[in-house]
Amino acid sequence: MKNENIPAGVKSKSLKEAREEINDILNKLESKEADLASSMDDYKRLIQLNNHIDLLFKRRVKEISLNKKEKKNDKK
């Protein structure tokens, strides 16, 4: 899922906020009172949150890689 396909309400979340919402959704899905219709919506939201977290990690890895390269070039 590309960044454009992630709703603004998800994009604005920090890693911690996204993780907390994921935990809430998982607890809801694991409950015995969960119905199919709301479970489908929750699952879709879970996928969006997961994709958002994936993008956050990819950005952070890129930043770290760039910082390492800059530090390596500064030592030369």
PDB file of N, CA and C in Angstrom:
ATOM      1  N   MET A   1       0.842  -1.177   0.000  1.00  0.00           N
ATOM      2  CA  MET A   1       0.000   0.000   0.000  1.00  0.00           C
ATOM      3  C   MET A   1       0.884   1.237   0.000  1.00  0.00           C
ATOM      4  N   LYS A   2       0.624   2.117  -0.919  1.00  0.00           N
ATOM      5  CA  LYS A   2       1.408   3.326  -1.013  1.00  0.00           C
ATOM      6  C   LYS A   2       0.928   4.337   0.018  1.00  0.00           C
ATOM      7  N   ASN A   3       1.773   5.293   0.282  1.00  0.00           N
ATOM      8  CA  ASN A   3       1.477   6.329   1.261  1.00  0.00           C
ATOM      9  C   ASN A   3       0.167   7.057   0.948  1.00  0.00           C
ATOM     10  N   GLU A   4      -0.145   7.263  -0.343  1.00  0.00           N
ATOM     11  CA  GLU A   4      -1.353   7.978  -0.729  1.00  0.00           C
ATOM     12  C   GLU A   4      -2.616   7.216  -0.327  1.00  0.00           C
ATOM     13  N   ASN A   5      -2.520   5.908  -0.194  1.00  0.00           N
ATOM     14  CA  ASN A   5      -3.680   5.084   0.130  1.00  0.00           C
ATOM     15  C   ASN A   5      -3.942   4.979   1.625  1.00  0.00           C
ATOM     16  N   ILE A   6      -3.096   5.590   2.421  1.00  0.00           N
ATOM     17  CA  ILE A   6      -3.266   5.553   3.865  1.00  0.00           C
ATOM     18  C   ILE A   6      -4.051   6.798   4.269  1.00  0.00           C
ATOM     19  N   PRO A   7      -5.184   6.629   4.955  1.00  0.00           N
ATOM     20  CA  PRO A   7      -5.995   7.784   5.344  1.00  0.00           C
ATOM     21  C   PRO A   7      -5.229   8.764   6.231  1.00  0.00           C
ATOM     22  N   ALA A   8      -5.620  10.034   6.160  1.00  0.00           N
ATOM     23  CA  ALA A   8      -4.953  11.089   6.930  1.00  0.00           C
ATOM     24  C   ALA A   8      -4.999  10.801   8.432  1.00  0.00           C
ATOM     25  N   GLY A   9      -6.085  10.206   8.896  1.00  0.00           N
ATOM     26  CA  GLY A   9      -6.207   9.883  10.316  1.00  0.00           C
ATOM     27  C   GLY A   9      -5.182   8.864  10.784  1.00  0.00           C
ATOM     28  N   VAL A  10      -4.690   8.073   9.864  1.00  0.00           N
ATOM     29  CA  VAL A  10      -3.651   7.090  10.188  1.00  0.00           C
ATOM     30  C   VAL A  10      -2.272   7.719   9.999  1.00  0.00           C
ATOM     31  N   LYS A  11      -2.100   8.484   8.925  1.00  0.00           N
ATOM     32  CA  LYS A  11      -0.815   9.120   8.627  1.00  0.00           C
ATOM     33  C   LYS A  11      -0.348  10.033   9.744  1.00  0.00           C
ATOM     34  N   SER A  12      -1.288  10.636  10.437  1.00  0.00           N
ATOM     35  CA  SER A  12      -0.932  11.604  11.470  1.00  0.00           C
ATOM     36  C   SER A  12      -0.509  10.947  12.785  1.00  0.00           C
ATOM     37  N   LYS A  13      -0.667   9.650  12.893  1.00  0.00           N
ATOM     38  CA  LYS A  13      -0.346   8.956  14.140  1.00  0.00           C
ATOM     39  C   LYS A  13       1.151   8.726  14.289  1.00  0.00           C
ATOM     40  N   SER A  14       1.594   8.839  15.525  1.00  0.00           N
ATOM     41  CA  SER A  14       2.973   8.481  15.839  1.00  0.00           C
ATOM     42  C   SER A  14       3.066   6.965  15.892  1.00  0.00           C
ATOM     43  N   LEU A  15       4.273   6.471  15.963  1.00  0.00           N
ATOM     44  CA  LEU A  15       4.472   5.025  16.068  1.00  0.00           C
ATOM     45  C   LEU A  15       3.773   4.476  17.308  1.00  0.00           C
ATOM     46  N   LYS A  16       3.916   5.186  18.412  1.00  0.00           N
ATOM     47  CA  LYS A  16       3.304   4.747  19.668  1.00  0.00           C
ATOM     48  C   LYS A  16       1.782   4.729  19.558  1.00  0.00           C
ATOM     49  N   GLU A  17       1.196   5.777  18.971  1.00  0.00           N
ATOM     50  CA  GLU A  17      -0.257   5.836  18.823  1.00  0.00           C
ATOM     51  C   GLU A  17      -0.763   4.723  17.918  1.00  0.00           C
ATOM     52  N   ALA A  18      -0.066   4.468  16.839  1.00  0.00           N
ATOM     53  CA  ALA A  18      -0.468   3.401  15.913  1.00  0.00           C
ATOM     54  C   ALA A  18      -0.387   2.042  16.593  1.00  0.00           C
ATOM     55  N   ARG A  19       0.687   1.833  17.346  1.00  0.00           N
ATOM     56  CA  ARG A  19       0.847   0.562  18.059  1.00  0.00           C
ATOM     57  C   ARG A  19      -0.264   0.362  19.090  1.00  0.00           C
ATOM     58  N   GLU A  20      -0.624   1.423  19.799  1.00  0.00           N
ATOM     59  CA  GLU A  20      -1.696   1.312  20.795  1.00  0.00           C
ATOM     60  C   GLU A  20      -3.030   0.994  20.135  1.00  0.00           C
ATOM     61  N   GLU A  21      -3.305   1.629  18.993  1.00  0.00           N
ATOM     62  CA  GLU A  21      -4.560   1.338  18.291  1.00  0.00           C
ATOM     63  C   GLU A  21      -4.564  -0.093  17.774  1.00  0.00           C
ATOM     64  N   ILE A  22      -3.440  -0.552  17.283  1.00  0.00           N
ATOM     65  CA  ILE A  22      -3.345  -1.947  16.826  1.00  0.00           C
ATOM     66  C   ILE A  22      -3.644  -2.898  17.977  1.00  0.00           C
ATOM     67  N   ASN A  23      -3.073  -2.636  19.135  1.00  0.00           N
ATOM     68  CA  ASN A  23      -3.331  -3.494  20.299  1.00  0.00           C
ATOM     69  C   ASN A  23      -4.811  -3.483  20.668  1.00  0.00           C
ATOM     70  N   ASP A  24      -5.447  -2.305  20.619  1.00  0.00           N
ATOM     71  CA  ASP A  24      -6.880  -2.217  20.919  1.00  0.00           C
ATOM     72  C   ASP A  24      -7.696  -3.030  19.919  1.00  0.00           C
ATOM     73  N   ILE A  25      -7.359  -2.912  18.646  1.00  0.00           N
ATOM     74  CA  ILE A  25      -8.088  -3.652  17.615  1.00  0.00           C
ATOM     75  C   ILE A  25      -7.898  -5.157  17.800  1.00  0.00           C
ATOM     76  N   LEU A  26      -6.672  -5.579  18.076  1.00  0.00           N
ATOM     77  CA  LEU A  26      -6.424  -7.011  18.279  1.00  0.00           C
ATOM     78  C   LEU A  26      -7.214  -7.543  19.464  1.00  0.00           C
ATOM     79  N   ASN A  27      -7.254  -6.792  20.555  1.00  0.00           N
ATOM     80  CA  ASN A  27      -8.044  -7.213  21.719  1.00  0.00           C
ATOM     81  C   ASN A  27      -9.522  -7.315  21.361  1.00  0.00           C
ATOM     82  N   LYS A  28     -10.017  -6.358  20.572  1.00  0.00           N
ATOM     83  CA  LYS A  28     -11.413  -6.369  20.152  1.00  0.00           C
ATOM     84  C   LYS A  28     -11.693  -7.577  19.260  1.00  0.00           C
ATOM     85  N   LEU A  29     -10.783  -7.859  18.321  1.00  0.00           N
ATOM     86  CA  LEU A  29     -10.981  -8.994  17.418  1.00  0.00           C
ATOM     87  C   LEU A  29     -10.922 -10.336  18.151  1.00  0.00           C
ATOM     88  N   GLU A  30     -10.152 -10.380  19.217  1.00  0.00           N
ATOM     89  CA  GLU A  30     -10.028 -11.619  19.981  1.00  0.00           C
ATOM     90  C   GLU A  30     -11.188 -11.849  20.943  1.00  0.00           C
ATOM     91  N   SER A  31     -12.003 -10.836  21.177  1.00  0.00           N
ATOM     92  CA  SER A  31     -13.115 -10.986  22.113  1.00  0.00           C
ATOM     93  C   SER A  31     -14.210 -11.869  21.493  1.00  0.00           C
ATOM     94  N   LYS A  32     -14.962 -12.477  22.355  1.00  0.00           N
ATOM     95  CA  LYS A  32     -16.026 -13.370  21.891  1.00  0.00           C
ATOM     96  C   LYS A  32     -17.237 -12.599  21.379  1.00  0.00           C
ATOM     97  N   GLU A  33     -17.326 -11.319  21.707  1.00  0.00           N
ATOM     98  CA  GLU A  33     -18.461 -10.510  21.286  1.00  0.00           C
ATOM     99  C   GLU A  33     -18.275  -9.895  19.895  1.00  0.00           C
ATOM    100  N   ALA A  34     -17.144 -10.115  19.262  1.00  0.00           N
ATOM    101  CA  ALA A  34     -16.855  -9.503  17.962  1.00  0.00           C
ATOM    102  C   ALA A  34     -17.807 -10.042  16.893  1.00  0.00           C
ATOM    103  N   ASP A  35     -18.388  -9.112  16.114  1.00  0.00           N
ATOM    104  CA  ASP A  35     -19.250  -9.545  15.010  1.00  0.00           C
ATOM    105  C   ASP A  35     -18.488  -9.394  13.687  1.00  0.00           C
ATOM    106  N   LEU A  36     -18.940 -10.089  12.685  1.00  0.00           N
ATOM    107  CA  LEU A  36     -18.226 -10.164  11.415  1.00  0.00           C
ATOM    108  C   LEU A  36     -18.099  -8.805  10.730  1.00  0.00           C
ATOM    109  N   ALA A  37     -19.173  -8.035  10.683  1.00  0.00           N
ATOM    110  CA  ALA A  37     -19.153  -6.747   9.973  1.00  0.00           C
ATOM    111  C   ALA A  37     -18.127  -5.797  10.576  1.00  0.00           C
ATOM    112  N   SER A  38     -18.144  -5.635  11.889  1.00  0.00           N
ATOM    113  CA  SER A  38     -17.186  -4.718  12.512  1.00  0.00           C
ATOM    114  C   SER A  38     -15.778  -5.304  12.479  1.00  0.00           C
ATOM    115  N   SER A  39     -15.681  -6.624  12.495  1.00  0.00           N
ATOM    116  CA  SER A  39     -14.368  -7.261  12.421  1.00  0.00           C
ATOM    117  C   SER A  39     -13.701  -6.990  11.078  1.00  0.00           C
ATOM    118  N   MET A  40     -14.487  -6.951  10.016  1.00  0.00           N
ATOM    119  CA  MET A  40     -13.943  -6.654   8.684  1.00  0.00           C
ATOM    120  C   MET A  40     -13.393  -5.224   8.647  1.00  0.00           C
ATOM    121  N   ASP A  41     -14.152  -4.287   9.204  1.00  0.00           N
ATOM    122  CA  ASP A  41     -13.699  -2.890   9.251  1.00  0.00           C
ATOM    123  C   ASP A  41     -12.449  -2.759  10.115  1.00  0.00           C
ATOM    124  N   ASP A  42     -12.451  -3.451  11.244  1.00  0.00           N
ATOM    125  CA  ASP A  42     -11.285  -3.414  12.128  1.00  0.00           C
ATOM    126  C   ASP A  42     -10.057  -3.995  11.437  1.00  0.00           C
ATOM    127  N   TYR A  43     -10.260  -5.069  10.698  1.00  0.00           N
ATOM    128  CA  TYR A  43      -9.145  -5.696   9.984  1.00  0.00           C
ATOM    129  C   TYR A  43      -8.567  -4.738   8.941  1.00  0.00           C
ATOM    130  N   LYS A  44      -9.424  -4.043   8.204  1.00  0.00           N
ATOM    131  CA  LYS A  44      -8.959  -3.068   7.211  1.00  0.00           C
ATOM    132  C   LYS A  44      -8.157  -1.955   7.886  1.00  0.00           C
ATOM    133  N   ARG A  45      -8.646  -1.482   9.021  1.00  0.00           N
ATOM    134  CA  ARG A  45      -7.940  -0.439   9.773  1.00  0.00           C
ATOM    135  C   ARG A  45      -6.591  -0.968  10.248  1.00  0.00           C
ATOM    136  N   LEU A  46      -6.564  -2.198  10.686  1.00  0.00           N
ATOM    137  CA  LEU A  46      -5.330  -2.833  11.141  1.00  0.00           C
ATOM    138  C   LEU A  46      -4.297  -2.871  10.024  1.00  0.00           C
ATOM    139  N   ILE A  47      -4.716  -3.196   8.825  1.00  0.00           N
ATOM    140  CA  ILE A  47      -3.819  -3.227   7.669  1.00  0.00           C
ATOM    141  C   ILE A  47      -3.289  -1.820   7.375  1.00  0.00           C
ATOM    142  N   GLN A  48      -4.151  -0.816   7.440  1.00  0.00           N
ATOM    143  CA  GLN A  48      -3.715   0.565   7.203  1.00  0.00           C
ATOM    144  C   GLN A  48      -2.683   0.995   8.239  1.00  0.00           C
ATOM    145  N   LEU A  49      -2.936   0.678   9.494  1.00  0.00           N
ATOM    146  CA  LEU A  49      -1.989   1.024  10.559  1.00  0.00           C
ATOM    147  C   LEU A  49      -0.664   0.302  10.365  1.00  0.00           C
ATOM    148  N   ASN A  50      -0.728  -0.954   9.984  1.00  0.00           N
ATOM    149  CA  ASN A  50       0.484  -1.730   9.756  1.00  0.00           C
ATOM    150  C   ASN A  50       1.303  -1.136   8.615  1.00  0.00           C
ATOM    151  N   ASN A  51       0.641  -0.749   7.550  1.00  0.00           N
ATOM    152  CA  ASN A  51       1.340  -0.141   6.417  1.00  0.00           C
ATOM    153  C   ASN A  51       1.963   1.197   6.807  1.00  0.00           C
ATOM    154  N   HIS A  52       1.262   1.953   7.635  1.00  0.00           N
ATOM    155  CA  HIS A  52       1.801   3.229   8.123  1.00  0.00           C
ATOM    156  C   HIS A  52       3.073   2.988   8.942  1.00  0.00           C
ATOM    157  N   ILE A  53       3.031   2.019   9.821  1.00  0.00           N
ATOM    158  CA  ILE A  53       4.204   1.694  10.638  1.00  0.00           C
ATOM    159  C   ILE A  53       5.351   1.240   9.748  1.00  0.00           C
ATOM    160  N   ASP A  54       5.053   0.448   8.745  1.00  0.00           N
ATOM    161  CA  ASP A  54       6.078  -0.009   7.802  1.00  0.00           C
ATOM    162  C   ASP A  54       6.751   1.185   7.118  1.00  0.00           C
ATOM    163  N   LEU A  55       5.957   2.161   6.683  1.00  0.00           N
ATOM    164  CA  LEU A  55       6.516   3.357   6.051  1.00  0.00           C
ATOM    165  C   LEU A  55       7.373   4.157   7.026  1.00  0.00           C
ATOM    166  N   LEU A  56       6.919   4.267   8.285  1.00  0.00           N
ATOM    167  CA  LEU A  56       7.707   4.980   9.292  1.00  0.00           C
ATOM    168  C   LEU A  56       9.068   4.317   9.491  1.00  0.00           C
ATOM    169  N   PHE A  57       9.075   2.999   9.559  1.00  0.00           N
ATOM    170  CA  PHE A  57      10.340   2.274   9.726  1.00  0.00           C
ATOM    171  C   PHE A  57      11.251   2.440   8.514  1.00  0.00           C
ATOM    172  N   LYS A  58      10.687   2.376   7.318  1.00  0.00           N
ATOM    173  CA  LYS A  58      11.494   2.536   6.108  1.00  0.00           C
ATOM    174  C   LYS A  58      12.129   3.922   6.059  1.00  0.00           C
ATOM    175  N   ARG A  59      11.361   4.951   6.435  1.00  0.00           N
ATOM    176  CA  ARG A  59      11.918   6.304   6.471  1.00  0.00           C
ATOM    177  C   ARG A  59      13.051   6.406   7.478  1.00  0.00           C
ATOM    178  N   ARG A  60      12.846   5.801   8.633  1.00  0.00           N
ATOM    179  CA  ARG A  60      13.862   5.866   9.686  1.00  0.00           C
ATOM    180  C   ARG A  60      15.132   5.122   9.269  1.00  0.00           C
ATOM    181  N   VAL A  61      15.001   3.988   8.626  1.00  0.00           N
ATOM    182  CA  VAL A  61      16.161   3.240   8.136  1.00  0.00           C
ATOM    183  C   VAL A  61      16.918   4.069   7.117  1.00  0.00           C
ATOM    184  N   LYS A  62      16.194   4.748   6.246  1.00  0.00           N
ATOM    185  CA  LYS A  62      16.826   5.600   5.245  1.00  0.00           C
ATOM    186  C   LYS A  62      17.599   6.736   5.923  1.00  0.00           C
ATOM    187  N   GLU A  63      16.995   7.361   6.937  1.00  0.00           N
ATOM    188  CA  GLU A  63      17.667   8.438   7.674  1.00  0.00           C
ATOM    189  C   GLU A  63      18.943   7.933   8.343  1.00  0.00           C
ATOM    190  N   ILE A  64      18.867   6.779   8.950  1.00  0.00           N
ATOM    191  CA  ILE A  64      20.032   6.205   9.627  1.00  0.00           C
ATOM    192  C   ILE A  64      21.132   5.909   8.621  1.00  0.00           C
ATOM    193  N   SER A  65      20.755   5.347   7.477  1.00  0.00           N
ATOM    194  CA  SER A  65      21.743   5.043   6.439  1.00  0.00           C
ATOM    195  C   SER A  65      22.423   6.306   5.936  1.00  0.00           C
ATOM    196  N   LEU A  66      21.654   7.355   5.720  1.00  0.00           N
ATOM    197  CA  LEU A  66      22.227   8.617   5.263  1.00  0.00           C
ATOM    198  C   LEU A  66      23.169   9.214   6.308  1.00  0.00           C
ATOM    199  N   ASN A  67      22.772   9.126   7.573  1.00  0.00           N
ATOM    200  CA  ASN A  67      23.626   9.640   8.651  1.00  0.00           C
ATOM    201  C   ASN A  67      24.941   8.875   8.736  1.00  0.00           C
ATOM    202  N   LYS A  68      24.881   7.560   8.557  1.00  0.00           N
ATOM    203  CA  LYS A  68      26.106   6.751   8.587  1.00  0.00           C
ATOM    204  C   LYS A  68      27.021   7.124   7.446  1.00  0.00           C
ATOM    205  N   LYS A  69      26.452   7.326   6.257  1.00  0.00           N
ATOM    206  CA  LYS A  69      27.250   7.703   5.098  1.00  0.00           C
ATOM    207  C   LYS A  69      27.902   9.068   5.329  1.00  0.00           C
ATOM    208  N   GLU A  70      27.151  10.018   5.889  1.00  0.00           N
ATOM    209  CA  GLU A  70      27.693  11.344   6.147  1.00  0.00           C
ATOM    210  C   GLU A  70      28.828  11.287   7.172  1.00  0.00           C
ATOM    211  N   LYS A  71      28.652  10.501   8.197  1.00  0.00           N
ATOM    212  CA  LYS A  71      29.708  10.369   9.210  1.00  0.00           C
ATOM    213  C   LYS A  71      30.942   9.710   8.622  1.00  0.00           C
ATOM    214  N   LYS A  72      30.720   8.717   7.753  1.00  0.00           N
ATOM    215  CA  LYS A  72      31.846   8.024   7.113  1.00  0.00           C
ATOM    216  C   LYS A  72      32.592   8.992   6.202  1.00  0.00           C
ATOM    217  N   ASN A  73      31.869   9.828   5.463  1.00  0.00           N
ATOM    218  CA  ASN A  73      32.496  10.805   4.574  1.00  0.00           C
ATOM    219  C   ASN A  73      33.217  11.893   5.363  1.00  0.00           C
ATOM    220  N   ASP A  74      32.710  12.249   6.527  1.00  0.00           N
ATOM    221  CA  ASP A  74      33.359  13.258   7.361  1.00  0.00           C
ATOM    222  C   ASP A  74      34.695  12.774   7.910  1.00  0.00           C
ATOM    223  N   LYS A  75      34.841  11.485   8.101  1.00  0.00           N
ATOM    224  CA  LYS A  75      36.095  10.918   8.641  1.00  0.00           C
ATOM    225  C   LYS A  75      37.203  10.896   7.609  1.00  0.00           C
ATOM    226  N   LYS A  76      36.832  10.981   6.333  1.00  0.00           N
ATOM    227  CA  LYS A  76      37.843  10.908   5.261  1.00  0.00           C
ATOM    228  C   LYS A  76      38.636  12.178   5.161  1.00  0.00           C
TER     229      LYS A  76
END
